Amino acid sequence: MLKIVDLFAGVGGLSYGFQEANYNVTVANEIDTDIAHAYSKNHKDTRMINEDITKLDVDTIFKEYRSKIDVVIGGPPCQGFSQKGSRKTINDERNFLFRYYFKVVEYLRPKYFLMENVPNLITTENGLFIKEIENIFNKNGYQITYNVLNAADFGVPQYRRRAFILGKHNAAPPELPKGNGIKTTAYDAISDLEYLASGEGEEVQEYRIEPLSNYQKMMRKNSVKLYNHVSTKHSKEAIEKLKLIPVGMGKEVLPPEMLTKSIYSGTWSRIVAEEPTVTITTRFDTPSSGRFTHYHLNRCITVREAARLQSFPDDFILYGPKSSQMKQVGNAVPPLLGKAIAEVILKDDNED
């Protein structure tokens, strides 16, 4: 069983995907206390290091794991990758989080590493960053491959594009997966949960409707109770506004006096039931934050519905304040996508 370290782990979407592919998630690091707690509740056999990654001494923390870890995974945030028009490099002090990720890989010397980030990482400044990443890892014996993957191509009921960089020590890495041809719609994902009105629901409750799709059966496989299915209590004005929006439509049907300025696309728009959803963010409880209004109910999606749309199974429970639960879900790598990449690595390792 291959052993992994997950840095910038969040609630553990990537960890869970690798775990489902039969990896041993040995160590994880997450700075946010509430999120680290939720991670530990769902990954009971993993050592969680709930610390600021910039203050950890690599040798002290990871000495016992040196030469014993097969894969390092994680998505280090990096300012320079997302800011256009300014030539920041991985040597910029503001990009120290990426440097820490590199230091752990350099210290542990795993056979593989997997880095996840925004698609701009590959394209910004005409590929400046990806070239520098390739250079720094090449100097330490790693060859890399990279691509932008869309979660919807892997059976996840959500259009979510992310860049993945896969490295292998002293050899060419396998190609990242292309998809499995499975398309899962929003209706496939959450239609068995479509009974709450605004402000209704409890953190723990009984299922009311039998599963209506194979995806729902998969999500409910190991769960006997329904968790995190609580609807936001919208204002009376918001509900009246939502009532004016037909199935499949959005703010384009609202009268001018009801329109408000917003930086988000899809604001005051319903999810399209017959398609995967747009990318789930950390503010899916608010109609003004994007296309997160239920496809026919007058409310936004719940934490559990968002988790379903990210491919977290129902026995993966989100803990802490609702704001933290939304952050846990919205920032995660969809487990089904993580599992697909994990299987590619596992196949390559077995062929060596």
Foldseek 3Di string as FASTA:
>chain_A
DAEEEEECQFLNLLVLLLVVLPYHDAEYEHQDPQRLVLNCVQNVRYHYDHHDLVPDDLCVPCVVCAQPHAEYEYEFDAVQLPDADDDDECVPPSRVSVVSSVVNCLRRVHQKYKYKAAPSCCPGPNRRHVVVVQVVVVVSQKHKDKDWDFVQLAQQLEGDIMIMIMIGGNDHADDADDGDRHGAHLCLQPVQPPDDAAFDDDQKAARDGDRDHPLLCVLCVPPGIFGQFGFHRDDPVLLVLLVQAAQQFAPVRPDPVPDDDAPAPAARAEAHRVGRGYQQALPQQHSRRHHQQHRHHSGGGTLVSLQSSLVHHRVSHRDDDRSSSSHSSRPHRRSSSSNSRSVSRVVVVVVD
